[in-house]
Amino acid sequence: MFNKETIFMFFPIIGAICGAMLWLKYFIKIDVLERERLIDIIFALVIGFLTPNLALWAYKLHASYAWDFNGYFLTDLWYAIAGIGFTEEISKLFGVLLVFLVIRKRLNEPIDYLIFGGIVALGFSVKENFIYYHNYGSEIITGRTLISTLTHIINTSICVYGIFRFKIFNKGNVILNSISGISIAIISHGLFDFFLTQEFIGNLTPFLASIVYLIGINFWIQMINNCINFSPFFNYEKLISTSKLYFTILGWYIGLLLIEFFYVWYHKKLDIAILDLFKNIFKEGILLIIVALRVSRLKISKRKYFIIKPQFPIYYTKNNDEDINLFGVLPLKVRGENEKEFRLFKYMGKDLVFVPVNPNKSSIQNKRKGRLLKKYFLKNDVVSYLIEFYEDDTHPKEVFILKPKTRGTTLFQGEFPIVTIAKYNLTSLVANYNLPSYKDFNFIENVYIKTV
């Protein structure tokens, strides 16, 4: 029914499509506050799919002037940035601006700019990936989807964020913001390609590309974070679902692994396919976990703007909130709020009851009525809340600090979140921009929360 050439073409097509679906599903699920029209999403994807034609035309122009990599460090670095980075970022940016022009009346929240900019970049990557899979084989499906596709999305998002930062947040200067955003994206793109293709420090050179990639991921999520915090449709409860976005990444990645597995099995041998499968898991497994967790973790606080910083998405922590403890001596945490910290979103703005976990050793003794007043991010992104206990008009109100419990048993009776209440100099906390470490608090006891 199908000849070998037809089947060979099938794998690049299905690989490119499924790779696109991984990030397309991510965009749809991160946009929980106000959904976009499917027709607009498809339009942006199609425009993005056409933008590589601009880049290909530019590369023909480069070739006519014999401008390419030539083995010299400085000239190769310059070509990677001014040749590849500039060409591809400007090509995508033309597509982005065209999409924005057509749907401008429906760009009604900050995150829309990054979502549609990212989808245009995704369309660019779909065509580029298909070309790569067709030319080099579909053994590279997982790596290009997880790394190269996301790199395109990140760099285009940096361009868009820079251009529209003043309009969205009233920060900086529109011209300087635009120049900075586009320049950072071009340099980041160029450095990534340069480190990935050159070997000036031998086999360790691609490790430098991984550093650019990881810093870029954190950059991207910080931008998404600010856009969500400034949404006119902001709603804490709707944002709870974003804490499980890693399932979307992991699920589609497994699908891509299977596509690549069957491709290698069909075109080579089963034992080679199994070896390739384990090689991918070994090479990309840790990176996949870091990426999946980081893109599902935000720092949610209404109208709170966080300064974008070049940071790694994972860091060493001493705050008893690690995601993994390597060898029992190296506690590491992925940045942003984890699933256990997101639980408290549904209690914002509601009358609550705080109940001692161990009433026999409780200093507050009985359950107390209260509410969450304000959210703080302490040093190293430690989440805390200002809470108020109240009874009635005859009793004075008491204010404490609350920290969600993230280790050990975190739910009481499998339902109610357990938190730790503490005391601290509240005047210092509210007024001091140099936020304290959570270890500076005077911890009192664990309580669990439920609504009245």
Protein backbone atom coordinates (compact mmCIF):
# COMPACT_ATOMS: atom_id res chain seq x y z
CA MET A 1 0.00 0.00 0.00
CA PHE A 2 2.81 2.41 0.96
CA ASN A 3 6.26 2.25 -0.58
CA LYS A 4 9.41 2.80 1.46
CA GLU A 5 9.83 6.42 0.31
CA THR A 6 6.26 7.27 1.40
CA ILE A 7 6.83 5.75 4.83
CA PHE A 8 10.16 7.57 5.11
CA MET A 9 8.31 10.88 4.51
CA PHE A 10 5.63 9.95 7.04
CA PHE A 11 7.96 10.15 10.03
CA PRO A 12 9.23 13.73 9.45
CA ILE A 13 5.67 14.94 8.93
CA ILE A 14 4.20 13.28 12.02
CA GLY A 15 7.28 14.20 14.07
CA ALA A 16 7.05 17.88 13.12
CA ILE A 17 3.30 17.96 13.81
CA CYS A 18 3.51 16.19 17.19
CA GLY A 19 6.46 18.39 18.20
CA ALA A 20 4.33 21.44 17.39
CA MET A 21 1.40 20.04 19.37
CA LEU A 22 3.56 19.74 22.50
CA TRP A 23 4.15 23.50 22.65
CA LEU A 24 0.78 24.44 21.15
CA LYS A 25 -0.99 22.57 23.95
CA TYR A 26 1.27 24.35 26.42
CA PHE A 27 0.24 27.76 25.05
CA ILE A 28 -3.44 26.85 25.20
CA LYS A 29 -3.20 25.62 28.79
CA ILE A 30 -1.10 28.54 30.08
CA ASP A 31 -3.74 30.91 28.69
CA VAL A 32 -6.34 30.03 31.34
CA LEU A 33 -7.54 33.54 32.15
CA GLU A 34 -9.04 34.38 28.75
CA ARG A 35 -8.93 31.82 25.94
CA GLU A 36 -7.98 32.75 22.38
CA ARG A 37 -9.97 31.90 19.27
CA LEU A 38 -8.85 28.73 17.50
CA ILE A 39 -8.96 30.50 14.13
CA ASP A 40 -6.44 33.11 15.41
CA ILE A 41 -4.13 30.38 16.70
CA ILE A 42 -4.22 28.55 13.36
CA PHE A 43 -3.62 31.82 11.51
CA ALA A 44 -0.54 32.60 13.62
CA LEU A 45 0.80 29.06 13.12
CA VAL A 46 0.36 29.27 9.33
CA ILE A 47 2.06 32.67 9.13
CA GLY A 48 4.90 31.28 11.23
CA PHE A 49 5.17 28.28 8.88
CA LEU A 50 5.70 30.70 5.96
CA THR A 51 8.35 32.88 7.62
CA PRO A 52 11.30 30.49 6.96
CA ASN A 53 10.92 31.47 3.29
CA LEU A 54 12.21 34.94 4.23
CA ALA A 55 15.17 33.38 6.00
CA LEU A 56 15.91 31.04 3.08
CA TRP A 57 15.90 34.01 0.68
CA ALA A 58 18.35 35.82 2.99
CA TYR A 59 20.61 32.76 3.16
CA LYS A 60 20.77 32.67 -0.66
CA LEU A 61 21.86 36.28 -0.52
CA HIS A 62 24.55 35.33 2.04
CA ALA A 63 25.76 32.57 -0.26
CA SER A 64 26.00 34.94 -3.22
CA TYR A 65 28.51 36.95 -1.19
CA ALA A 66 30.23 33.79 0.13
CA TRP A 67 29.24 34.77 3.67
CA ASP A 68 29.22 31.65 5.86
CA PHE A 69 31.20 29.82 8.52
CA ASN A 70 34.86 29.64 7.47
CA GLY A 71 36.61 28.07 10.47
CA TYR A 72 37.90 31.30 12.03
CA PHE A 73 36.63 31.94 15.55
CA LEU A 74 35.70 35.63 15.31
CA THR A 75 34.26 35.52 11.80
CA ASP A 76 32.24 32.40 12.64
CA LEU A 77 30.94 34.04 15.82
CA TRP A 78 30.00 37.14 13.84
CA TYR A 79 28.20 35.05 11.20
CA ALA A 80 26.31 33.09 13.88
CA ILE A 81 25.00 36.34 15.38
CA ALA A 82 24.69 38.74 12.42
CA GLY A 83 24.03 36.06 9.81
CA ILE A 84 21.93 33.36 11.46
CA GLY A 85 20.59 35.10 14.57
CA PHE A 86 19.63 38.33 12.81
CA THR A 87 18.19 36.61 9.74
CA GLU A 88 15.94 34.18 11.59
CA GLU A 89 14.79 36.53 14.35
CA ILE A 90 13.89 39.30 11.92
CA SER A 91 12.11 36.79 9.65
CA LYS A 92 9.98 35.59 12.55
CA LEU A 93 9.40 39.15 13.73
CA PHE A 94 7.89 40.09 10.34
CA GLY A 95 5.41 37.24 10.81
CA VAL A 96 4.66 38.29 14.39
CA LEU A 97 3.93 41.90 13.44
CA LEU A 98 1.67 40.76 10.59
CA VAL A 99 -0.31 38.55 12.97
CA PHE A 100 -0.58 41.35 15.53
CA LEU A 101 -1.81 43.72 12.82
CA VAL A 102 -4.62 41.33 11.84
CA ILE A 103 -5.76 40.35 15.37
CA ARG A 104 -4.87 43.62 17.16
CA LYS A 105 -8.41 44.11 18.48
CA ARG A 106 -8.25 40.73 20.21
CA LEU A 107 -4.91 41.32 21.93
CA ASN A 108 -6.67 42.18 25.17
CA GLU A 109 -4.27 40.90 27.84
CA PRO A 110 -0.46 40.96 28.14
CA ILE A 111 0.03 37.21 27.77
CA ASP A 112 -1.58 37.34 24.29
CA TYR A 113 1.53 39.03 22.90
CA LEU A 114 3.82 36.23 24.09
CA ILE A 115 1.40 33.47 23.12
CA PHE A 116 0.89 34.60 19.53
CA GLY A 117 4.54 35.58 19.17
CA GLY A 118 5.46 32.10 20.44
CA ILE A 119 3.01 30.41 18.06
CA VAL A 120 4.52 32.24 15.07
CA ALA A 121 7.96 31.02 16.21
CA LEU A 122 6.49 27.55 16.59
CA GLY A 123 5.26 27.64 12.98
CA PHE A 124 8.77 28.67 11.86
CA SER A 125 10.21 25.74 13.80
CA VAL A 126 7.71 23.24 12.35
CA LYS A 127 8.96 23.89 8.83
CA GLU A 128 12.59 24.01 9.92
CA ASN A 129 12.22 20.73 11.82
CA PHE A 130 10.59 19.02 8.86
CA ILE A 131 13.56 20.00 6.69
CA TYR A 132 15.99 18.69 9.32
CA TYR A 133 14.10 15.39 9.77
CA HIS A 134 13.90 14.88 6.02
CA ASN A 135 17.60 15.62 5.48
CA TYR A 136 19.13 13.98 8.55
CA GLY A 137 16.54 11.41 9.61
CA SER A 138 13.95 11.38 12.38
CA GLU A 139 16.38 10.23 15.08
CA ILE A 140 16.56 13.88 16.16
CA ILE A 141 12.84 14.46 16.81
CA THR A 142 12.98 14.64 20.60
CA GLY A 143 16.06 16.83 20.79
CA ARG A 144 14.83 19.39 18.25
CA THR A 145 11.38 19.58 19.85
CA LEU A 146 12.68 19.98 23.38
CA ILE A 147 15.60 22.27 22.60
CA SER A 148 15.61 23.89 19.14
CA THR A 149 11.87 24.57 18.94
CA LEU A 150 11.77 26.05 22.42
CA THR A 151 14.83 28.18 21.64
CA HIS A 152 12.96 29.72 18.71
CA ILE A 153 9.95 30.42 20.93
CA ILE A 154 12.10 31.95 23.67
CA ASN A 155 14.01 34.31 21.39
CA THR A 156 10.91 35.52 19.57
CA SER A 157 9.24 36.11 22.94
CA ILE A 158 12.21 38.24 24.03
CA CYS A 159 11.77 40.38 20.89
CA VAL A 160 8.04 40.78 21.51
CA TYR A 161 8.47 41.50 25.20
CA GLY A 162 11.01 44.22 24.46
CA ILE A 163 8.87 45.89 21.79
CA PHE A 164 5.68 45.89 23.86
CA ARG A 165 7.12 46.21 27.39
CA PHE A 166 6.38 49.92 27.62
CA LYS A 167 2.83 49.50 26.29
CA ILE A 168 2.01 46.64 28.65
CA PHE A 169 3.80 47.63 31.86
CA ASN A 170 4.71 51.29 31.30
CA LYS A 171 8.34 50.33 31.97
CA GLY A 172 11.42 51.84 30.34
CA ASN A 173 11.47 53.53 26.95
CA VAL A 174 9.75 52.07 23.91
CA ILE A 175 12.77 52.58 21.62
CA LEU A 176 15.40 51.36 24.08
CA ASN A 177 13.17 48.45 25.13
CA SER A 178 12.73 47.39 21.50
CA ILE A 179 16.42 47.66 20.65
CA SER A 180 17.35 45.75 23.82
CA GLY A 181 14.81 42.98 23.29
CA ILE A 182 15.66 42.39 19.63
CA SER A 183 19.42 42.59 20.31
CA ILE A 184 19.26 40.11 23.20
CA ALA A 185 17.22 37.68 21.08
CA ILE A 186 19.62 37.92 18.13
CA ILE A 187 22.73 37.48 20.30
CA SER A 188 21.14 34.62 22.25
CA HIS A 189 20.14 32.87 19.01
CA GLY A 190 23.58 33.40 17.50
CA LEU A 191 25.46 32.18 20.55
CA PHE A 192 23.27 29.09 20.80
CA ASP A 193 23.91 28.14 17.17
CA PHE A 194 27.60 29.00 17.43
CA PHE A 195 28.17 26.83 20.50
CA LEU A 196 26.08 24.02 19.02
CA THR A 197 27.92 23.86 15.70
CA GLN A 198 31.49 24.87 16.52
CA GLU A 199 34.08 22.92 18.52
CA PHE A 200 36.55 25.55 19.69
CA ILE A 201 36.78 23.79 23.07
CA GLY A 202 36.19 20.33 21.70
CA ASN A 203 33.23 18.19 22.71
CA LEU A 204 32.46 20.51 25.63
CA THR A 205 31.37 23.35 23.32
CA PRO A 206 27.70 22.19 23.11
CA PHE A 207 27.60 22.47 26.92
CA LEU A 208 27.82 26.24 26.45
CA ALA A 209 24.74 26.05 24.20
CA SER A 210 22.93 24.29 27.06
CA ILE A 211 23.79 27.19 29.37
CA VAL A 212 22.33 29.70 26.89
CA TYR A 213 19.25 27.47 26.56
CA LEU A 214 18.66 27.08 30.30
CA ILE A 215 19.07 30.79 31.03
CA GLY A 216 16.70 31.49 28.14
CA ILE A 217 14.01 29.23 29.60
CA ASN A 218 14.10 31.11 32.88
CA PHE A 219 14.03 34.42 30.99
CA TRP A 220 10.95 33.28 29.07
CA ILE A 221 8.98 32.10 32.10
CA GLN A 222 9.74 35.34 33.97
CA MET A 223 8.23 37.26 31.04
CA ILE A 224 5.15 35.02 30.97
CA ASN A 225 4.91 35.46 34.73
CA ASN A 226 4.75 39.26 34.55
CA CYS A 227 2.20 39.15 31.75
CA ILE A 228 -0.12 36.89 33.75
CA ASN A 229 0.22 39.01 36.89
CA PHE A 230 -0.94 42.07 34.91
CA SER A 231 -3.86 40.40 33.16
CA PRO A 232 -7.17 42.33 33.45
CA PHE A 233 -8.80 38.90 33.86
CA PHE A 234 -6.53 37.89 36.77
CA ASN A 235 -8.04 35.10 38.87
CA TYR A 236 -6.12 33.05 41.44
CA GLU A 237 -8.39 30.02 41.25
CA LYS A 238 -8.11 29.67 37.46
CA LEU A 239 -4.32 29.71 37.72
CA ILE A 240 -4.22 26.63 39.95
CA SER A 241 -4.42 24.38 36.87
CA THR A 242 -1.11 25.71 35.51
CA SER A 243 0.79 23.91 38.28
CA LYS A 244 0.31 20.61 36.42
CA LEU A 245 1.44 21.77 33.01
CA TYR A 246 4.43 19.45 33.27
CA PHE A 247 2.07 16.55 32.48
CA THR A 248 1.47 18.13 29.06
CA ILE A 249 5.19 18.34 28.35
CA LEU A 250 5.95 14.83 29.61
CA GLY A 251 3.01 13.23 27.80
CA TRP A 252 3.82 14.65 24.39
CA TYR A 253 7.52 13.97 24.87
CA ILE A 254 6.76 10.28 25.45
CA GLY A 255 4.77 10.32 22.21
CA LEU A 256 7.77 11.78 20.38
CA LEU A 257 10.03 9.12 21.89
CA LEU A 258 7.74 6.44 20.46
CA ILE A 259 7.71 8.04 17.01
CA GLU A 260 11.49 8.16 16.97
CA PHE A 261 11.66 4.58 18.32
CA PHE A 262 9.46 3.20 15.55
CA TYR A 263 11.35 5.20 12.92
CA VAL A 264 14.71 3.72 13.95
CA TRP A 265 13.17 0.26 14.28
CA TYR A 266 11.67 0.42 10.79
CA HIS A 267 14.73 1.85 9.04
CA LYS A 268 17.40 0.03 11.02
CA LYS A 269 16.96 -2.67 13.69
CA LEU A 270 15.05 -3.22 16.92
CA ASP A 271 18.21 -3.39 19.04
CA ILE A 272 19.41 -0.06 17.56
CA ALA A 273 15.99 1.46 18.26
CA ILE A 274 16.13 0.33 21.89
CA LEU A 275 19.64 1.69 22.24
CA ASP A 276 18.55 5.02 20.70
CA LEU A 277 15.59 5.16 23.10
CA PHE A 278 17.75 4.74 26.19
CA LYS A 279 20.33 7.15 24.78
CA ASN A 280 17.67 9.86 24.45
CA ILE A 281 16.34 9.23 27.94
CA PHE A 282 19.85 9.39 29.36
CA LYS A 283 20.87 12.51 27.41
CA GLU A 284 17.61 14.45 27.72
CA GLY A 285 15.95 13.00 30.85
CA ILE A 286 17.28 15.45 33.45
CA LEU A 287 16.90 18.37 31.05
CA LEU A 288 13.32 17.31 30.31
CA ILE A 289 12.40 17.24 34.01
CA ILE A 290 13.93 20.68 34.61
CA VAL A 291 12.16 22.17 31.58
CA ALA A 292 8.80 20.52 32.34
CA LEU A 293 8.84 21.72 35.95
CA ARG A 294 10.11 25.24 35.19
CA VAL A 295 7.56 26.00 32.48
CA SER A 296 4.76 24.97 34.86
CA ARG A 297 5.96 27.15 37.75
CA LEU A 298 5.09 30.81 38.01
CA LYS A 299 5.37 33.48 40.69
CA ILE A 300 1.76 34.58 40.92
CA SER A 301 0.94 37.89 42.60
CA LYS A 302 -1.62 40.28 41.18
CA ARG A 303 -0.10 43.43 39.61
CA LYS A 304 3.36 42.38 40.82
CA TYR A 305 6.16 43.07 38.34
CA PHE A 306 9.35 41.04 38.74
CA ILE A 307 12.61 42.28 37.25
CA ILE A 308 13.81 39.88 34.55
CA LYS A 309 17.12 38.35 35.63
CA PRO A 310 19.55 36.01 33.84
CA GLN A 311 19.31 32.96 36.10
CA PHE A 312 19.41 29.20 35.80
CA PRO A 313 16.00 27.53 36.24
CA ILE A 314 17.36 25.33 39.04
CA TYR A 315 19.37 26.41 42.07
CA TYR A 316 20.87 25.26 45.35
CA THR A 317 18.49 25.87 48.25
CA LYS A 318 18.81 25.85 52.04
CA ASN A 319 15.13 26.55 52.65
CA ASN A 320 13.80 23.01 53.15
CA ASP A 321 11.83 23.29 49.90
CA GLU A 322 14.00 21.32 47.51
CA ASP A 323 12.59 19.27 44.64
CA ILE A 324 15.50 16.84 44.74
CA ASN A 325 18.34 16.20 47.15
CA LEU A 326 21.29 14.72 45.26
CA PHE A 327 23.17 12.20 47.39
CA GLY A 328 21.48 13.69 50.46
CA VAL A 329 23.85 16.68 50.50
CA LEU A 330 22.86 18.80 47.48
CA PRO A 331 19.28 20.14 47.78
CA LEU A 332 18.13 21.59 44.45
CA LYS A 333 14.95 23.47 43.61
CA VAL A 334 13.36 24.48 40.33
CA ARG A 335 12.37 28.14 40.41
CA GLY A 336 8.77 29.28 40.79
CA GLU A 337 5.86 28.08 42.89
CA ASN A 338 5.35 24.35 42.98
CA GLU A 339 2.07 22.47 43.05
CA LYS A 340 1.88 22.48 46.85
CA GLU A 341 2.28 26.25 46.99
CA PHE A 342 -0.33 26.78 44.26
CA ARG A 343 -2.95 25.10 46.46
CA LEU A 344 -3.43 28.25 48.49
CA PHE A 345 -4.69 30.21 45.47
CA LYS A 346 -8.23 28.97 45.98
CA TYR A 347 -8.27 30.46 49.49
CA MET A 348 -7.42 34.01 48.43
CA GLY A 349 -10.09 36.54 49.40
CA LYS A 350 -12.14 34.03 51.42
CA ASP A 351 -13.00 33.67 55.10
CA LEU A 352 -10.99 30.76 56.46
CA VAL A 353 -10.54 28.56 59.49
CA PHE A 354 -7.02 27.71 60.70
CA VAL A 355 -6.96 24.52 62.76
CA PRO A 356 -3.93 23.24 64.78
CA VAL A 357 -2.51 20.00 63.37
CA ASN A 358 -1.55 18.95 66.91
CA PRO A 359 -4.10 20.61 69.25
CA ASN A 360 -2.51 19.11 72.39
CA LYS A 361 0.70 21.07 71.79
CA SER A 362 -0.84 24.12 70.17
CA SER A 363 -0.11 27.67 71.27
CA ILE A 364 -3.20 29.00 69.51
CA GLN A 365 -5.10 26.06 71.06
CA ASN A 366 -8.41 26.34 69.24
CA LYS A 367 -9.25 26.81 65.61
CA ARG A 368 -9.11 30.44 64.54
CA LYS A 369 -10.95 32.40 61.90
CA GLY A 370 -8.77 34.34 59.51
CA ARG A 371 -7.91 35.43 56.01
CA LEU A 372 -4.92 35.73 53.70
CA LEU A 373 -3.95 39.40 53.38
CA LYS A 374 -0.90 39.64 51.12
CA LYS A 375 1.60 37.44 49.39
CA TYR A 376 5.38 37.78 49.59
CA PHE A 377 8.30 36.17 47.83
CA LEU A 378 11.23 35.98 50.21
CA LYS A 379 14.85 35.33 49.32
CA ASN A 380 15.22 32.51 46.80
CA ASP A 381 11.53 32.67 45.81
CA VAL A 382 10.26 31.29 49.13
CA VAL A 383 6.49 31.86 49.18
CA SER A 384 4.89 33.36 52.28
CA TYR A 385 1.65 35.12 53.16
CA LEU A 386 0.58 37.75 55.62
CA ILE A 387 -2.45 36.34 57.49
CA GLU A 388 -4.89 37.84 59.95
CA PHE A 389 -6.67 36.02 62.75
CA TYR A 390 -9.94 37.55 63.93
CA GLU A 391 -12.82 36.53 66.16
CA ASP A 392 -15.23 39.42 66.59
CA ASP A 393 -15.15 43.13 67.38
CA THR A 394 -14.33 42.52 71.05
CA HIS A 395 -11.08 40.68 70.32
CA PRO A 396 -8.00 42.33 68.80
CA LYS A 397 -6.89 41.05 65.43
CA GLU A 398 -3.58 39.20 65.23
CA VAL A 399 -1.28 39.17 62.21
CA PHE A 400 1.19 36.37 61.43
CA ILE A 401 3.34 35.06 58.60
CA LEU A 402 2.32 31.84 56.86
CA LYS A 403 4.49 29.49 54.80
CA PRO A 404 2.97 26.60 52.82
CA LYS A 405 4.35 23.21 53.84
CA THR A 406 6.14 21.63 50.86
CA ARG A 407 7.87 18.59 52.38
CA GLY A 408 6.60 15.46 54.10
CA THR A 409 2.85 15.37 54.77
CA THR A 410 1.41 18.49 53.17
CA LEU A 411 -2.33 17.71 53.36
CA PHE A 412 -4.38 17.05 56.49
CA GLN A 413 -6.66 14.03 55.95
CA GLY A 414 -5.60 14.17 52.31
CA GLU A 415 -7.67 17.31 51.70
CA PHE A 416 -6.69 20.42 53.67
CA PRO A 417 -3.35 22.19 53.03
CA ILE A 418 -0.95 22.25 55.96
CA VAL A 419 0.90 25.52 56.54
CA THR A 420 3.35 26.83 59.11
CA ILE A 421 2.55 30.05 60.97
CA ALA A 422 5.33 32.28 62.28
CA LYS A 423 6.04 35.71 63.77
CA TYR A 424 8.26 38.39 62.30
CA ASN A 425 8.76 42.14 62.49
CA LEU A 426 5.88 43.02 60.17
CA THR A 427 6.87 46.67 59.83
CA SER A 428 10.25 45.56 58.54
CA LEU A 429 8.67 43.01 56.20
CA VAL A 430 6.25 45.49 54.63
CA ALA A 431 8.70 48.39 54.31
CA ASN A 432 11.98 46.62 53.61
CA TYR A 433 12.79 45.86 49.97
CA ASN A 434 15.61 43.59 51.12
CA LEU A 435 13.29 40.73 51.95
CA PRO A 436 14.28 38.32 54.71
CA SER A 437 15.01 34.63 54.53
CA TYR A 438 12.26 32.42 55.85
CA LYS A 439 14.75 31.20 58.48
CA ASP A 440 14.58 34.65 60.04
CA PHE A 441 11.02 33.92 61.12
CA ASN A 442 10.03 32.72 64.58
CA PHE A 443 8.03 29.61 63.72
CA ILE A 444 5.11 28.76 65.96
CA GLU A 445 3.31 25.64 64.71
CA ASN A 446 1.64 23.83 61.83
CA VAL A 447 -2.03 24.39 61.11
CA TYR A 448 -4.31 23.31 58.30
CA ILE A 449 -6.67 25.51 56.31
CA LYS A 450 -10.27 25.11 55.32
CA THR A 451 -13.02 27.48 54.27
CA VAL A 452 -15.70 28.64 56.74
